[in-house]
Amino acid sequence: IKTDAETYGLRVQLQEIAGSPWEIAYNIGRITIEDDEIGEMEDDLKRSGWTHEMGIKHTLPLQYDISLSPELSYTYGDIQGRSNSYHDIKIGAQLQYVKPPWVLAGLVSGFYRQYQKTHPLFDKTRQETGIFTFAQVTRLNLFGMERLFASVGAGHAWSDANIDFYDSRTVIVIASAGINF
């Protein structure tokens, strides 16, 4: 069975608020599941809806070239199927080292997600906890060209749920090149 999902969103972010190291962000996202067969069988299992995330971050310079940025966010998953709607709290930190032409960044975060209604098939209200780790290396001024850069990164995400069906493991690998305008 093929499931098509359309997703889109918008992020509004304010950095260095009033010259401070504080940052706030709001993300709104929309997911639409085409041919949601399980959602058509049971209204509480529909998977289309909206997500709203509010976050705050503070950047602490540890040395002139190293910074630590702890962050905290809350997400409300306003999904049509109430057993798929959730509240999510995430806490994490990013460590960044910048010594041109190199930028190294590492991120670790954890989350707790509580779903709103008992799952009709598993007869439990789902809860999940998880951890996300990611590391990235960026080379600025690639090949001596001031605006050209390249990045490579890798990460691992895993979550455990009180309903084993929803446990997940994900490996992320990226490679990119770009031009700064």
N, C-alpha and C. Protein backbone atom coordinates (compact mmCIF):
# COMPACT_ATOMS: atom_id res chain seq x y z
N ILE A 1 0.85 -1.17 0.00
CA ILE A 1 0.00 0.00 0.00
C ILE A 1 0.90 1.23 0.00
N LYS A 2 0.67 2.13 -0.91
CA LYS A 2 1.44 3.34 -1.04
C LYS A 2 0.74 4.48 -0.30
N THR A 3 1.49 5.22 0.52
CA THR A 3 0.94 6.37 1.23
C THR A 3 1.67 7.61 0.76
N ASP A 4 0.93 8.57 0.24
CA ASP A 4 1.51 9.84 -0.17
C ASP A 4 1.25 10.88 0.91
N ALA A 5 2.29 11.57 1.29
CA ALA A 5 2.17 12.62 2.30
C ALA A 5 2.69 13.93 1.71
N GLU A 6 1.91 14.97 1.83
CA GLU A 6 2.34 16.31 1.42
C GLU A 6 2.60 17.09 2.70
N THR A 7 3.77 17.71 2.78
CA THR A 7 4.10 18.51 3.96
C THR A 7 4.64 19.87 3.52
N TYR A 8 4.32 20.87 4.27
CA TYR A 8 4.88 22.19 4.06
C TYR A 8 4.81 22.95 5.36
N GLY A 9 5.55 24.03 5.45
CA GLY A 9 5.56 24.78 6.70
C GLY A 9 6.18 26.15 6.55
N LEU A 10 6.19 26.86 7.65
CA LEU A 10 6.75 28.20 7.71
C LEU A 10 7.47 28.35 9.05
N ARG A 11 8.63 28.98 9.03
CA ARG A 11 9.40 29.23 10.26
C ARG A 11 9.65 30.73 10.37
N VAL A 12 9.33 31.28 11.53
CA VAL A 12 9.63 32.67 11.84
C VAL A 12 10.62 32.64 13.00
N GLN A 13 11.74 33.32 12.83
CA GLN A 13 12.81 33.24 13.82
C GLN A 13 13.35 34.64 14.08
N LEU A 14 13.50 34.97 15.35
CA LEU A 14 14.12 36.23 15.75
C LEU A 14 15.42 35.87 16.47
N GLN A 15 16.55 36.38 15.95
CA GLN A 15 17.85 36.10 16.53
C GLN A 15 18.42 37.36 17.17
N GLU A 16 19.29 37.16 18.15
CA GLU A 16 19.98 38.26 18.82
C GLU A 16 18.99 39.37 19.20
N ILE A 17 17.95 38.99 19.93
CA ILE A 17 16.88 39.90 20.31
C ILE A 17 17.45 41.03 21.15
N ALA A 18 17.25 42.26 20.69
CA ALA A 18 17.75 43.47 21.35
C ALA A 18 19.26 43.35 21.64
N GLY A 19 20.00 42.73 20.73
CA GLY A 19 21.44 42.59 20.87
C GLY A 19 21.87 41.52 21.85
N SER A 20 20.93 40.72 22.33
CA SER A 20 21.24 39.67 23.31
C SER A 20 21.52 38.34 22.61
N PRO A 21 21.99 37.35 23.35
CA PRO A 21 22.24 36.03 22.76
C PRO A 21 20.97 35.15 22.71
N TRP A 22 19.79 35.73 22.92
CA TRP A 22 18.54 34.97 22.91
C TRP A 22 17.96 34.89 21.51
N GLU A 23 17.28 33.77 21.25
CA GLU A 23 16.64 33.53 19.96
C GLU A 23 15.30 32.85 20.25
N ILE A 24 14.27 33.26 19.54
CA ILE A 24 12.97 32.57 19.63
C ILE A 24 12.54 32.20 18.22
N ALA A 25 11.76 31.14 18.13
CA ALA A 25 11.29 30.69 16.82
C ALA A 25 9.90 30.09 16.96
N TYR A 26 9.13 30.22 15.88
CA TYR A 26 7.82 29.59 15.78
C TYR A 26 7.77 28.88 14.43
N ASN A 27 7.41 27.60 14.47
CA ASN A 27 7.24 26.81 13.25
C ASN A 27 5.80 26.36 13.17
N ILE A 28 5.22 26.50 11.99
CA ILE A 28 3.90 25.93 11.74
C ILE A 28 4.05 24.99 10.55
N GLY A 29 3.49 23.82 10.67
CA GLY A 29 3.62 22.83 9.60
C GLY A 29 2.28 22.19 9.30
N ARG A 30 2.12 21.76 8.08
CA ARG A 30 0.90 21.09 7.64
C ARG A 30 1.29 19.77 7.00
N ILE A 31 0.61 18.71 7.38
CA ILE A 31 0.79 17.41 6.73
C ILE A 31 -0.58 16.94 6.24
N THR A 32 -0.60 16.50 5.00
CA THR A 32 -1.82 15.95 4.41
C THR A 32 -1.50 14.56 3.91
N ILE A 33 -2.21 13.57 4.42
CA ILE A 33 -2.03 12.18 3.98
C ILE A 33 -3.10 11.87 2.95
N GLU A 34 -2.66 11.54 1.74
CA GLU A 34 -3.58 11.13 0.67
C GLU A 34 -3.92 9.66 0.86
N ASP A 35 -5.14 9.29 0.59
CA ASP A 35 -5.59 7.88 0.71
C ASP A 35 -5.23 7.30 2.08
N ASP A 36 -5.64 7.98 3.13
CA ASP A 36 -5.38 7.56 4.50
C ASP A 36 -6.34 6.42 4.86
N GLU A 37 -6.00 5.21 4.43
CA GLU A 37 -6.91 4.07 4.59
C GLU A 37 -7.20 3.78 6.06
N ILE A 38 -6.20 3.83 6.93
CA ILE A 38 -6.44 3.55 8.35
C ILE A 38 -7.31 4.65 8.95
N GLY A 39 -7.10 5.91 8.51
CA GLY A 39 -7.91 7.02 8.98
C GLY A 39 -9.35 6.94 8.51
N GLU A 40 -9.56 6.36 7.34
CA GLU A 40 -10.93 6.19 6.84
C GLU A 40 -11.66 5.09 7.60
N MET A 41 -10.90 4.11 8.13
CA MET A 41 -11.52 3.03 8.92
C MET A 41 -11.85 3.50 10.33
N GLU A 42 -11.02 4.39 10.89
CA GLU A 42 -11.19 4.82 12.28
C GLU A 42 -10.81 6.29 12.38
N ASP A 43 -11.78 7.17 12.69
CA ASP A 43 -11.52 8.62 12.75
C ASP A 43 -10.38 8.99 13.69
N ASP A 44 -10.23 8.28 14.81
CA ASP A 44 -9.17 8.60 15.77
C ASP A 44 -7.77 8.29 15.24
N LEU A 45 -7.66 7.63 14.09
CA LEU A 45 -6.36 7.28 13.51
C LEU A 45 -5.97 8.15 12.31
N LYS A 46 -6.78 9.16 11.98
CA LYS A 46 -6.43 10.05 10.87
C LYS A 46 -5.08 10.70 11.16
N ARG A 47 -4.30 10.96 10.10
CA ARG A 47 -2.93 11.43 10.28
C ARG A 47 -2.66 12.80 9.67
N SER A 48 -3.66 13.45 9.09
CA SER A 48 -3.49 14.80 8.54
C SER A 48 -3.70 15.82 9.64
N GLY A 49 -3.03 16.96 9.53
CA GLY A 49 -3.23 18.01 10.52
C GLY A 49 -2.13 19.04 10.51
N TRP A 50 -2.04 19.78 11.60
CA TRP A 50 -1.10 20.89 11.77
C TRP A 50 -0.17 20.62 12.95
N THR A 51 1.03 21.18 12.87
CA THR A 51 1.93 21.19 14.03
C THR A 51 2.32 22.64 14.31
N HIS A 52 2.42 22.96 15.59
CA HIS A 52 2.81 24.29 16.04
C HIS A 52 3.95 24.11 17.04
N GLU A 53 5.10 24.72 16.74
CA GLU A 53 6.26 24.59 17.63
C GLU A 53 6.77 25.96 18.03
N MET A 54 6.96 26.15 19.33
CA MET A 54 7.57 27.37 19.88
C MET A 54 8.88 26.96 20.54
N GLY A 55 9.94 27.71 20.26
CA GLY A 55 11.23 27.37 20.84
C GLY A 55 12.01 28.59 21.29
N ILE A 56 12.91 28.35 22.23
CA ILE A 56 13.78 29.40 22.73
C ILE A 56 15.20 28.83 22.83
N LYS A 57 16.18 29.68 22.50
CA LYS A 57 17.56 29.24 22.50
C LYS A 57 18.43 30.38 23.01
N HIS A 58 19.51 30.03 23.68
CA HIS A 58 20.44 31.01 24.23
C HIS A 58 21.86 30.58 23.85
N THR A 59 22.62 31.45 23.22
CA THR A 59 23.97 31.11 22.81
C THR A 59 24.98 31.67 23.81
N LEU A 60 25.79 30.76 24.33
CA LEU A 60 26.82 31.13 25.32
C LEU A 60 28.19 31.00 24.67
N PRO A 61 28.92 32.10 24.51
CA PRO A 61 30.28 31.97 23.98
C PRO A 61 31.20 31.39 25.06
N LEU A 62 31.82 30.26 24.76
CA LEU A 62 32.74 29.63 25.72
C LEU A 62 34.16 30.14 25.52
N GLN A 63 34.53 30.34 24.28
CA GLN A 63 35.79 30.96 23.87
C GLN A 63 35.46 31.77 22.63
N TYR A 64 36.43 32.45 22.07
CA TYR A 64 36.14 33.28 20.90
C TYR A 64 35.67 32.45 19.70
N ASP A 65 36.03 31.16 19.65
CA ASP A 65 35.67 30.34 18.49
C ASP A 65 34.75 29.17 18.83
N ILE A 66 34.31 29.05 20.09
CA ILE A 66 33.45 27.95 20.52
C ILE A 66 32.22 28.53 21.23
N SER A 67 31.05 28.01 20.87
CA SER A 67 29.83 28.44 21.55
C SER A 67 28.96 27.23 21.88
N LEU A 68 28.17 27.38 22.92
CA LEU A 68 27.22 26.37 23.36
C LEU A 68 25.84 27.01 23.35
N SER A 69 24.88 26.34 22.74
CA SER A 69 23.53 26.89 22.62
C SER A 69 22.49 25.90 23.14
N PRO A 70 22.10 26.02 24.42
CA PRO A 70 21.00 25.20 24.91
C PRO A 70 19.67 25.70 24.33
N GLU A 71 18.74 24.77 24.13
CA GLU A 71 17.44 25.16 23.59
C GLU A 71 16.33 24.32 24.20
N LEU A 72 15.13 24.89 24.19
CA LEU A 72 13.94 24.26 24.72
C LEU A 72 12.79 24.57 23.78
N SER A 73 11.97 23.55 23.47
CA SER A 73 10.82 23.81 22.61
C SER A 73 9.62 22.98 23.04
N TYR A 74 8.46 23.48 22.67
CA TYR A 74 7.19 22.81 22.90
C TYR A 74 6.47 22.72 21.55
N THR A 75 5.92 21.54 21.25
CA THR A 75 5.16 21.35 20.01
C THR A 75 3.79 20.79 20.34
N TYR A 76 2.79 21.33 19.66
CA TYR A 76 1.44 20.76 19.72
C TYR A 76 1.14 20.20 18.35
N GLY A 77 0.92 18.89 18.28
CA GLY A 77 0.54 18.23 17.03
C GLY A 77 -0.98 18.16 16.97
N ASP A 78 -1.58 19.09 16.25
CA ASP A 78 -3.04 19.17 16.13
C ASP A 78 -3.46 18.32 14.93
N ILE A 79 -3.50 17.02 15.15
CA ILE A 79 -3.78 16.05 14.09
C ILE A 79 -5.26 15.67 14.16
N GLN A 80 -5.89 15.43 13.02
CA GLN A 80 -7.32 15.13 12.97
C GLN A 80 -7.68 13.93 13.83
N GLY A 81 -6.89 12.88 13.76
CA GLY A 81 -7.13 11.71 14.59
C GLY A 81 -6.63 11.97 16.00
N ARG A 82 -7.52 12.01 16.98
CA ARG A 82 -7.13 12.40 18.34
C ARG A 82 -6.08 11.47 18.94
N SER A 83 -6.02 10.20 18.53
CA SER A 83 -4.97 9.33 19.08
C SER A 83 -3.61 9.62 18.43
N ASN A 84 -3.58 10.46 17.41
CA ASN A 84 -2.33 10.90 16.79
C ASN A 84 -1.98 12.34 17.13
N SER A 85 -2.84 13.03 17.88
CA SER A 85 -2.54 14.39 18.35
C SER A 85 -1.63 14.28 19.57
N TYR A 86 -0.73 15.25 19.73
CA TYR A 86 0.26 15.11 20.80
C TYR A 86 0.74 16.45 21.33
N HIS A 87 1.36 16.38 22.50
CA HIS A 87 2.14 17.46 23.11
C HIS A 87 3.56 16.94 23.22
N ASP A 88 4.54 17.78 22.87
CA ASP A 88 5.93 17.35 22.80
C ASP A 88 6.82 18.40 23.46
N ILE A 89 7.70 17.96 24.32
CA ILE A 89 8.71 18.83 24.94
C ILE A 89 10.08 18.32 24.49
N LYS A 90 10.92 19.25 24.01
CA LYS A 90 12.26 18.87 23.56
C LYS A 90 13.28 19.79 24.24
N ILE A 91 14.38 19.18 24.70
CA ILE A 91 15.48 19.95 25.28
C ILE A 91 16.77 19.45 24.65
N GLY A 92 17.65 20.38 24.34
CA GLY A 92 18.88 19.97 23.69
C GLY A 92 19.94 21.05 23.77
N ALA A 93 21.07 20.78 23.15
CA ALA A 93 22.18 21.73 23.12
C ALA A 93 23.00 21.52 21.85
N GLN A 94 23.49 22.62 21.32
CA GLN A 94 24.36 22.58 20.15
C GLN A 94 25.71 23.17 20.54
N LEU A 95 26.78 22.49 20.17
CA LEU A 95 28.14 22.96 20.38
C LEU A 95 28.71 23.30 19.01
N GLN A 96 29.26 24.51 18.87
CA GLN A 96 29.76 24.93 17.56
C GLN A 96 31.17 25.49 17.70
N TYR A 97 32.04 25.07 16.77
CA TYR A 97 33.42 25.54 16.71
C TYR A 97 33.60 26.19 15.34
N VAL A 98 34.00 27.44 15.34
CA VAL A 98 34.17 28.18 14.08
C VAL A 98 35.60 28.70 14.02
N LYS A 99 36.36 28.16 13.09
CA LYS A 99 37.71 28.66 12.83
C LYS A 99 37.88 28.62 11.32
N PRO A 100 37.51 29.75 10.65
CA PRO A 100 37.53 29.76 9.19
C PRO A 100 38.83 29.18 8.65
N PRO A 101 38.71 28.35 7.64
CA PRO A 101 37.54 28.10 6.82
C PRO A 101 36.65 26.94 7.30
N TRP A 102 36.84 26.50 8.55
CA TRP A 102 36.09 25.34 9.04
C TRP A 102 35.01 25.74 10.04
N VAL A 103 33.89 25.04 9.97
CA VAL A 103 32.82 25.15 10.97
C VAL A 103 32.44 23.73 11.36
N LEU A 104 32.53 23.42 12.65
CA LEU A 104 32.14 22.10 13.16
C LEU A 104 30.98 22.30 14.13
N ALA A 105 29.96 21.48 14.00
CA ALA A 105 28.80 21.61 14.88
C ALA A 105 28.32 20.23 15.31
N GLY A 106 27.92 20.15 16.56
CA GLY A 106 27.34 18.91 17.10
C GLY A 106 26.07 19.26 17.85
N LEU A 107 25.09 18.40 17.76
CA LEU A 107 23.79 18.63 18.39
C LEU A 107 23.34 17.36 19.08
N VAL A 108 22.80 17.50 20.27
CA VAL A 108 22.15 16.38 20.95
C VAL A 108 20.88 16.93 21.58
N SER A 109 19.78 16.20 21.42
CA SER A 109 18.53 16.62 22.05
C SER A 109 17.72 15.40 22.41
N GLY A 110 16.84 15.59 23.37
CA GLY A 110 15.94 14.54 23.81
C GLY A 110 14.53 15.08 23.83
N PHE A 111 13.55 14.19 23.71
CA PHE A 111 12.16 14.65 23.73
C PHE A 111 11.28 13.68 24.48
N TYR A 112 10.15 14.21 24.92
CA TYR A 112 9.07 13.41 25.51
C TYR A 112 7.79 13.83 24.81
N ARG A 113 7.06 12.86 24.27
CA ARG A 113 5.82 13.14 23.54
C ARG A 113 4.69 12.35 24.17
N GLN A 114 3.60 13.06 24.49
CA GLN A 114 2.41 12.44 25.08
C GLN A 114 1.25 12.63 24.10
N TYR A 115 0.66 11.52 23.69
CA TYR A 115 -0.49 11.57 22.79
C TYR A 115 -1.76 11.76 23.60
N GLN A 116 -2.82 12.25 22.93
CA GLN A 116 -3.99 12.73 23.66
C GLN A 116 -5.06 11.68 23.93
N LYS A 117 -5.13 10.62 23.17
CA LYS A 117 -6.25 9.71 23.32
C LYS A 117 -5.79 8.27 23.17
N THR A 118 -6.50 7.37 23.78
CA THR A 118 -6.19 5.94 23.68
C THR A 118 -6.24 5.49 22.22
N HIS A 119 -5.21 4.77 21.82
CA HIS A 119 -5.13 4.22 20.46
C HIS A 119 -6.17 3.12 20.33
N PRO A 120 -7.07 3.21 19.36
CA PRO A 120 -8.16 2.23 19.27
C PRO A 120 -7.70 0.80 18.94
N LEU A 121 -6.55 0.62 18.32
CA LEU A 121 -6.10 -0.73 17.99
C LEU A 121 -5.26 -1.36 19.10
N PHE A 122 -4.48 -0.53 19.82
CA PHE A 122 -3.58 -1.05 20.84
C PHE A 122 -4.10 -0.86 22.26
N ASP A 123 -5.20 -0.13 22.41
CA ASP A 123 -5.85 0.10 23.70
C ASP A 123 -4.92 0.72 24.75
N LYS A 124 -4.03 1.62 24.29
CA LYS A 124 -3.14 2.38 25.16
C LYS A 124 -3.04 3.80 24.62
N THR A 125 -2.76 4.74 25.51
CA THR A 125 -2.43 6.10 25.08
C THR A 125 -0.93 6.14 24.89
N ARG A 126 -0.51 6.44 23.66
CA ARG A 126 0.91 6.36 23.32
C ARG A 126 1.72 7.44 24.01
N GLN A 127 2.92 7.06 24.45
CA GLN A 127 3.94 7.96 24.97
C GLN A 127 5.25 7.58 24.31
N GLU A 128 6.05 8.58 23.98
CA GLU A 128 7.34 8.31 23.35
C GLU A 128 8.42 9.15 24.00
N THR A 129 9.62 8.60 24.06
CA THR A 129 10.81 9.35 24.43
C THR A 129 11.85 9.07 23.35
N GLY A 130 12.73 10.01 23.13
CA GLY A 130 13.73 9.79 22.10
C GLY A 130 14.92 10.71 22.22
N ILE A 131 15.94 10.38 21.46
CA ILE A 131 17.18 11.15 21.42
C ILE A 131 17.58 11.35 19.96
N PHE A 132 18.09 12.54 19.68
CA PHE A 132 18.58 12.86 18.35
C PHE A 132 20.01 13.39 18.49
N THR A 133 20.94 12.85 17.71
CA THR A 133 22.32 13.33 17.69
C THR A 133 22.69 13.65 16.25
N PHE A 134 23.51 14.66 16.06
CA PHE A 134 23.91 15.04 14.72
C PHE A 134 25.24 15.78 14.78
N ALA A 135 26.11 15.55 13.82
CA ALA A 135 27.38 16.26 13.70
C ALA A 135 27.57 16.69 12.25
N GLN A 136 28.11 17.89 12.07
CA GLN A 136 28.29 18.43 10.72
C GLN A 136 29.61 19.18 10.63
N VAL A 137 30.28 19.03 9.49
CA VAL A 137 31.52 19.75 9.18
C VAL A 137 31.27 20.55 7.91
N THR A 138 31.58 21.83 7.96
CA THR A 138 31.41 22.72 6.80
C THR A 138 32.76 23.34 6.46
N ARG A 139 33.05 23.37 5.19
CA ARG A 139 34.28 24.00 4.68
C ARG A 139 33.86 25.23 3.91
N LEU A 140 34.24 26.41 4.42
CA LEU A 140 33.96 27.67 3.75
C LEU A 140 35.06 27.95 2.73
N ASN A 141 34.82 28.90 1.84
CA ASN A 141 35.81 29.32 0.84
C ASN A 141 36.37 28.12 0.08
N LEU A 142 35.48 27.27 -0.36
CA LEU A 142 35.86 26.04 -1.05
C LEU A 142 36.60 26.36 -2.35
N PHE A 143 37.72 25.70 -2.58
CA PHE A 143 38.57 25.89 -3.76
C PHE A 143 39.01 27.35 -3.91
N GLY A 144 39.11 28.07 -2.77
CA GLY A 144 39.54 29.46 -2.81
C GLY A 144 38.46 30.43 -3.27
N MET A 145 37.25 29.93 -3.46
CA MET A 145 36.15 30.80 -3.89
C MET A 145 35.37 31.24 -2.65
N GLU A 146 35.36 32.55 -2.40
CA GLU A 146 34.84 33.11 -1.15
C GLU A 146 33.39 32.70 -0.86
N ARG A 147 32.54 32.62 -1.83
CA ARG A 147 31.11 32.35 -1.59
C ARG A 147 30.73 30.86 -1.65
N LEU A 148 31.64 30.01 -2.04
CA LEU A 148 31.36 28.58 -2.20
C LEU A 148 31.66 27.83 -0.91
N PHE A 149 30.78 26.90 -0.54
CA PHE A 149 31.00 26.09 0.66
C PHE A 149 30.48 24.68 0.42
N ALA A 150 30.91 23.76 1.29
CA ALA A 150 30.45 22.37 1.23
C ALA A 150 30.30 21.86 2.66
N SER A 151 29.36 20.96 2.86
CA SER A 151 29.10 20.38 4.19
C SER A 151 28.88 18.89 4.07
N VAL A 152 29.28 18.18 5.12
CA VAL A 152 28.92 16.77 5.29
C VAL A 152 28.46 16.61 6.74
N GLY A 153 27.54 15.70 6.94
CA GLY A 153 27.04 15.49 8.28
C GLY A 153 26.42 14.12 8.43
N ALA A 154 26.28 13.71 9.66
CA ALA A 154 25.65 12.42 9.95
C ALA A 154 24.95 12.52 11.30
N GLY A 155 23.88 11.76 11.43
CA GLY A 155 23.14 11.78 12.68
C GLY A 155 22.41 10.47 12.91
N HIS A 156 21.89 10.36 14.11
CA HIS A 156 21.15 9.16 14.48
C HIS A 156 19.99 9.61 15.36
N ALA A 157 18.81 9.12 15.07
CA ALA A 157 17.63 9.42 15.88
C ALA A 157 16.98 8.11 16.27
N TRP A 158 16.54 8.03 17.51
CA TRP A 158 15.80 6.84 17.92
C TRP A 158 14.77 7.24 18.94
N SER A 159 13.66 6.51 18.90
CA SER A 159 12.61 6.76 19.88
C SER A 159 12.05 5.43 20.35
N ASP A 160 11.63 5.41 21.60
CA ASP A 160 10.99 4.25 22.19
C ASP A 160 9.60 4.67 22.64
N ALA A 161 8.63 3.83 22.35
CA ALA A 161 7.25 4.12 22.70
C ALA A 161 6.72 3.00 23.59
N ASN A 162 5.69 3.31 24.35
CA ASN A 162 5.06 2.28 25.17
C ASN A 162 4.24 1.31 24.31
N ILE A 163 4.08 1.63 23.03
CA ILE A 163 3.48 0.71 22.05
C ILE A 163 4.62 0.36 21.10
N ASP A 164 5.14 -0.86 21.19
CA ASP A 164 6.35 -1.25 20.45
C ASP A 164 6.26 -0.99 18.95
N PHE A 165 5.08 -1.03 18.39
CA PHE A 165 4.87 -0.80 16.96
C PHE A 165 5.46 0.55 16.53
N TYR A 166 5.53 1.53 17.43
CA TYR A 166 5.95 2.88 17.09
C TYR A 166 7.42 3.16 17.41
N ASP A 167 8.17 2.20 17.93
CA ASP A 167 9.61 2.41 18.14
C ASP A 167 10.25 2.71 16.78
N SER A 168 11.27 3.57 16.77
CA SER A 168 11.91 3.88 15.48
C SER A 168 13.40 4.14 15.65
N ARG A 169 14.12 3.90 14.59
CA ARG A 169 15.55 4.18 14.48
C ARG A 169 15.77 4.79 13.10
N THR A 170 16.52 5.90 13.05
CA THR A 170 16.77 6.57 11.78
C THR A 170 18.23 6.98 11.72
N VAL A 171 18.88 6.76 10.59
CA VAL A 171 20.23 7.23 10.33
C VAL A 171 20.13 8.31 9.25
N ILE A 172 20.82 9.41 9.48
CA ILE A 172 20.77 10.55 8.56
C ILE A 172 22.18 10.83 8.08
N VAL A 173 22.35 10.97 6.77
CA VAL A 173 23.64 11.32 6.18
C VAL A 173 23.36 12.42 5.15
N ILE A 174 24.15 13.50 5.21
CA ILE A 174 23.98 14.58 4.24
C ILE A 174 25.31 14.96 3.64
N ALA A 175 25.25 15.45 2.43
CA ALA A 175 26.39 16.06 1.75
C ALA A 175 25.82 17.16 0.90
N SER A 176 26.40 18.34 0.98
CA SER A 176 25.84 19.46 0.21
C SER A 176 26.95 20.43 -0.18
N ALA A 177 26.68 21.19 -1.20
CA ALA A 177 27.53 22.28 -1.62
C ALA A 177 26.62 23.46 -1.92
N GLY A 178 27.11 24.66 -1.71
CA GLY A 178 26.25 25.81 -1.92
C GLY A 178 27.03 27.08 -2.17
N ILE A 179 26.27 28.10 -2.47
CA ILE A 179 26.83 29.43 -2.73
C ILE A 179 26.13 30.41 -1.80
N ASN A 180 26.91 31.19 -1.06
CA ASN A 180 26.36 32.27 -0.24
C ASN A 180 26.17 33.52 -1.09
N PHE A 181 25.01 34.11 -1.02
CA PHE A 181 24.75 35.33 -1.79
C PHE A 181 24.91 36.55 -0.92
